Amino acid sequence: MISGKLIVVRGTANQSEDWGEYEFLALPSPADRVMVQREGAENYATVLAVHHYPRQAGSSDDSTIEIVAKWTGSGPRIR
């Protein structure tokens, strides 16, 4: 699993929200769609960019991954 911070853009770029850390099966690519359960609803977003800051070989520091996605809608939880 790959964990990264999900930043969701709602409206204009200056209205981004940090939705916290999530785990992904693989690093998402731009145009991928993701579903995030939040506040009792399923929220859908399209990945715009992935900022990946790799760690240096042999370092014990964690790499940092930020997934920037555009919110596209939500609905009642169906799962």
N, C-alpha and C. Protein backbone atom coordinates (compact mmCIF):
# COMPACT_ATOMS: atom_id res chain seq x y z
N MET A 1 0.84 -1.18 0.00
CA MET A 1 0.00 0.00 0.00
C MET A 1 0.89 1.25 0.00
N ILE A 2 0.42 2.26 -0.68
CA ILE A 2 1.12 3.54 -0.74
C ILE A 2 0.25 4.57 -0.03
N SER A 3 0.82 5.25 0.94
CA SER A 3 0.03 6.26 1.65
C SER A 3 0.46 7.65 1.20
N GLY A 4 -0.52 8.54 1.13
CA GLY A 4 -0.25 9.90 0.71
C GLY A 4 -1.34 10.84 1.18
N LYS A 5 -0.99 12.11 1.21
CA LYS A 5 -1.94 13.13 1.62
C LYS A 5 -2.83 13.48 0.44
N LEU A 6 -4.14 13.52 0.67
CA LEU A 6 -5.10 13.86 -0.38
C LEU A 6 -5.50 15.32 -0.21
N ILE A 7 -5.21 16.11 -1.24
CA ILE A 7 -5.60 17.52 -1.26
C ILE A 7 -6.68 17.66 -2.32
N VAL A 8 -7.85 18.12 -1.90
CA VAL A 8 -9.00 18.21 -2.79
C VAL A 8 -9.28 19.67 -3.12
N VAL A 9 -9.40 19.95 -4.42
CA VAL A 9 -9.70 21.29 -4.91
C VAL A 9 -11.20 21.37 -5.15
N ARG A 10 -11.84 22.33 -4.51
CA ARG A 10 -13.27 22.56 -4.69
C ARG A 10 -13.44 23.99 -5.16
N GLY A 11 -13.96 24.17 -6.35
CA GLY A 11 -14.08 25.52 -6.90
C GLY A 11 -12.77 25.93 -7.53
N THR A 12 -12.21 27.05 -7.07
CA THR A 12 -10.95 27.54 -7.62
C THR A 12 -9.78 26.91 -6.89
N ALA A 13 -8.60 27.05 -7.46
CA ALA A 13 -7.40 26.42 -6.90
C ALA A 13 -7.10 26.90 -5.48
N ASN A 14 -7.50 28.13 -5.15
CA ASN A 14 -7.21 28.62 -3.80
C ASN A 14 -8.22 28.11 -2.77
N GLN A 15 -9.12 27.23 -3.17
CA GLN A 15 -10.08 26.63 -2.25
C GLN A 15 -9.78 25.15 -2.05
N SER A 16 -8.50 24.83 -1.87
CA SER A 16 -8.13 23.43 -1.67
C SER A 16 -8.26 23.05 -0.20
N GLU A 17 -8.55 21.77 0.04
CA GLU A 17 -8.74 21.27 1.39
C GLU A 17 -7.84 20.05 1.60
N ASP A 18 -7.19 19.99 2.73
CA ASP A 18 -6.39 18.82 3.10
C ASP A 18 -7.34 17.80 3.71
N TRP A 19 -7.57 16.69 3.02
CA TRP A 19 -8.49 15.65 3.50
C TRP A 19 -7.79 14.58 4.30
N GLY A 20 -6.49 14.70 4.50
CA GLY A 20 -5.77 13.75 5.33
C GLY A 20 -5.03 12.68 4.55
N GLU A 21 -4.50 11.72 5.31
CA GLU A 21 -3.72 10.62 4.74
C GLU A 21 -4.64 9.47 4.32
N TYR A 22 -4.39 8.92 3.15
CA TYR A 22 -5.12 7.76 2.65
C TYR A 22 -4.13 6.76 2.09
N GLU A 23 -4.53 5.52 2.03
CA GLU A 23 -3.70 4.47 1.44
C GLU A 23 -4.29 4.05 0.10
N PHE A 24 -3.41 3.85 -0.87
CA PHE A 24 -3.79 3.46 -2.21
C PHE A 24 -3.09 2.15 -2.56
N LEU A 25 -3.71 1.34 -3.41
CA LEU A 25 -3.06 0.11 -3.86
C LEU A 25 -1.83 0.41 -4.70
N ALA A 26 -1.90 1.48 -5.47
CA ALA A 26 -0.78 1.93 -6.29
C ALA A 26 -0.86 3.45 -6.39
N LEU A 27 0.23 4.05 -6.76
CA LEU A 27 0.26 5.49 -6.91
C LEU A 27 -0.72 5.91 -8.00
N PRO A 28 -1.71 6.76 -7.69
CA PRO A 28 -2.67 7.14 -8.73
C PRO A 28 -2.01 8.02 -9.80
N SER A 29 -2.62 8.03 -10.96
CA SER A 29 -2.15 8.84 -12.08
C SER A 29 -3.15 9.95 -12.36
N PRO A 30 -2.70 11.04 -12.99
CA PRO A 30 -3.66 12.07 -13.39
C PRO A 30 -4.77 11.46 -14.23
N ALA A 31 -5.98 11.92 -14.01
CA ALA A 31 -7.22 11.48 -14.66
C ALA A 31 -7.85 10.27 -13.98
N ASP A 32 -7.15 9.63 -13.04
CA ASP A 32 -7.78 8.55 -12.26
C ASP A 32 -8.89 9.14 -11.41
N ARG A 33 -9.95 8.35 -11.20
CA ARG A 33 -11.04 8.78 -10.32
C ARG A 33 -10.90 8.04 -9.01
N VAL A 34 -11.12 8.76 -7.92
CA VAL A 34 -11.07 8.15 -6.59
C VAL A 34 -12.37 8.43 -5.86
N MET A 35 -12.73 7.49 -4.97
CA MET A 35 -13.91 7.66 -4.13
C MET A 35 -13.43 7.67 -2.69
N VAL A 36 -13.83 8.68 -1.94
CA VAL A 36 -13.42 8.83 -0.55
C VAL A 36 -14.65 8.93 0.32
N GLN A 37 -14.75 8.07 1.32
CA GLN A 37 -15.86 8.17 2.27
C GLN A 37 -15.51 9.25 3.28
N ARG A 38 -16.36 10.26 3.38
CA ARG A 38 -16.11 11.39 4.27
C ARG A 38 -17.44 11.99 4.68
N GLU A 39 -17.61 12.19 5.98
CA GLU A 39 -18.80 12.83 6.54
C GLU A 39 -20.08 12.11 6.10
N GLY A 40 -20.04 10.77 6.09
CA GLY A 40 -21.22 9.98 5.79
C GLY A 40 -21.63 9.91 4.33
N ALA A 41 -20.80 10.43 3.45
CA ALA A 41 -21.12 10.40 2.01
C ALA A 41 -19.92 9.89 1.23
N GLU A 42 -20.20 9.41 0.03
CA GLU A 42 -19.13 9.02 -0.88
C GLU A 42 -18.81 10.23 -1.75
N ASN A 43 -17.58 10.68 -1.67
CA ASN A 43 -17.12 11.83 -2.43
C ASN A 43 -16.25 11.35 -3.58
N TYR A 44 -16.48 11.91 -4.75
CA TYR A 44 -15.75 11.51 -5.96
C TYR A 44 -14.84 12.65 -6.39
N ALA A 45 -13.63 12.28 -6.83
CA ALA A 45 -12.67 13.29 -7.27
C ALA A 45 -11.85 12.71 -8.41
N THR A 46 -11.36 13.60 -9.27
CA THR A 46 -10.49 13.22 -10.37
C THR A 46 -9.09 13.72 -10.06
N VAL A 47 -8.11 12.84 -10.13
CA VAL A 47 -6.73 13.19 -9.81
C VAL A 47 -6.20 14.16 -10.86
N LEU A 48 -5.67 15.30 -10.39
CA LEU A 48 -5.08 16.29 -11.27
C LEU A 48 -3.56 16.12 -11.36
N ALA A 49 -2.94 15.87 -10.21
CA ALA A 49 -1.48 15.77 -10.16
C ALA A 49 -1.07 14.94 -8.95
N VAL A 50 0.11 14.37 -9.04
CA VAL A 50 0.71 13.65 -7.92
C VAL A 50 2.09 14.26 -7.69
N HIS A 51 2.29 14.78 -6.50
CA HIS A 51 3.59 15.34 -6.13
C HIS A 51 4.31 14.28 -5.30
N HIS A 52 5.41 13.78 -5.83
CA HIS A 52 6.12 12.69 -5.19
C HIS A 52 7.54 13.13 -4.90
N TYR A 53 7.86 13.18 -3.64
CA TYR A 53 9.20 13.57 -3.23
C TYR A 53 9.91 12.31 -2.71
N PRO A 54 10.69 11.65 -3.55
CA PRO A 54 11.31 10.39 -3.14
C PRO A 54 12.37 10.62 -2.07
N ARG A 55 12.65 9.56 -1.33
CA ARG A 55 13.68 9.65 -0.31
C ARG A 55 15.00 9.21 -0.91
N GLN A 56 16.08 9.68 -0.32
CA GLN A 56 17.41 9.33 -0.79
C GLN A 56 17.71 7.88 -0.45
N ALA A 57 18.39 7.18 -1.32
CA ALA A 57 18.74 5.78 -1.09
C ALA A 57 19.51 5.65 0.21
N GLY A 58 19.13 4.67 1.01
CA GLY A 58 19.79 4.42 2.28
C GLY A 58 19.30 5.29 3.42
N SER A 59 18.40 6.21 3.13
CA SER A 59 17.86 7.10 4.16
C SER A 59 16.69 6.44 4.86
N SER A 60 16.50 6.77 6.12
CA SER A 60 15.36 6.22 6.85
C SER A 60 14.16 7.17 6.81
N ASP A 61 14.32 8.32 6.19
CA ASP A 61 13.21 9.27 6.08
C ASP A 61 12.12 8.70 5.18
N ASP A 62 10.88 9.01 5.50
CA ASP A 62 9.77 8.58 4.66
C ASP A 62 9.65 9.49 3.44
N SER A 63 9.26 8.88 2.32
CA SER A 63 8.99 9.70 1.15
C SER A 63 7.65 10.40 1.36
N THR A 64 7.46 11.49 0.67
CA THR A 64 6.23 12.27 0.80
C THR A 64 5.48 12.23 -0.51
N ILE A 65 4.19 11.92 -0.42
CA ILE A 65 3.35 11.89 -1.61
C ILE A 65 2.12 12.74 -1.35
N GLU A 66 1.83 13.64 -2.26
CA GLU A 66 0.62 14.46 -2.21
C GLU A 66 -0.18 14.19 -3.47
N ILE A 67 -1.46 13.84 -3.30
CA ILE A 67 -2.35 13.62 -4.43
C ILE A 67 -3.29 14.81 -4.48
N VAL A 68 -3.26 15.54 -5.58
CA VAL A 68 -4.14 16.69 -5.77
C VAL A 68 -5.28 16.25 -6.68
N ALA A 69 -6.51 16.41 -6.21
CA ALA A 69 -7.67 15.94 -6.98
C ALA A 69 -8.77 17.00 -6.99
N LYS A 70 -9.53 17.04 -8.06
CA LYS A 70 -10.65 17.96 -8.22
C LYS A 70 -11.93 17.25 -7.78
N TRP A 71 -12.62 17.80 -6.80
CA TRP A 71 -13.88 17.23 -6.32
C TRP A 71 -14.91 17.31 -7.43
N THR A 72 -15.59 16.19 -7.71
CA THR A 72 -16.57 16.17 -8.80
C THR A 72 -17.99 15.88 -8.34
N GLY A 73 -18.17 15.54 -7.08
CA GLY A 73 -19.51 15.30 -6.59
C GLY A 73 -19.52 14.35 -5.41
N SER A 74 -20.71 14.19 -4.84
CA SER A 74 -20.88 13.26 -3.71
C SER A 74 -22.27 12.70 -3.74
N GLY A 75 -22.46 11.65 -2.97
CA GLY A 75 -23.77 11.04 -2.88
C GLY A 75 -23.87 10.26 -1.58
N PRO A 76 -25.05 9.71 -1.30
CA PRO A 76 -25.21 8.93 -0.08
C PRO A 76 -24.34 7.68 -0.14
N ARG A 77 -23.93 7.25 1.02
CA ARG A 77 -23.08 6.05 1.08
C ARG A 77 -23.89 4.84 0.64
N ILE A 78 -23.36 4.10 -0.35
CA ILE A 78 -24.09 2.94 -0.88
C ILE A 78 -23.37 1.63 -0.61
N ARG A 79 -22.22 1.66 0.00
CA ARG A 79 -21.48 0.42 0.29
C ARG A 79 -21.66 0.04 1.73
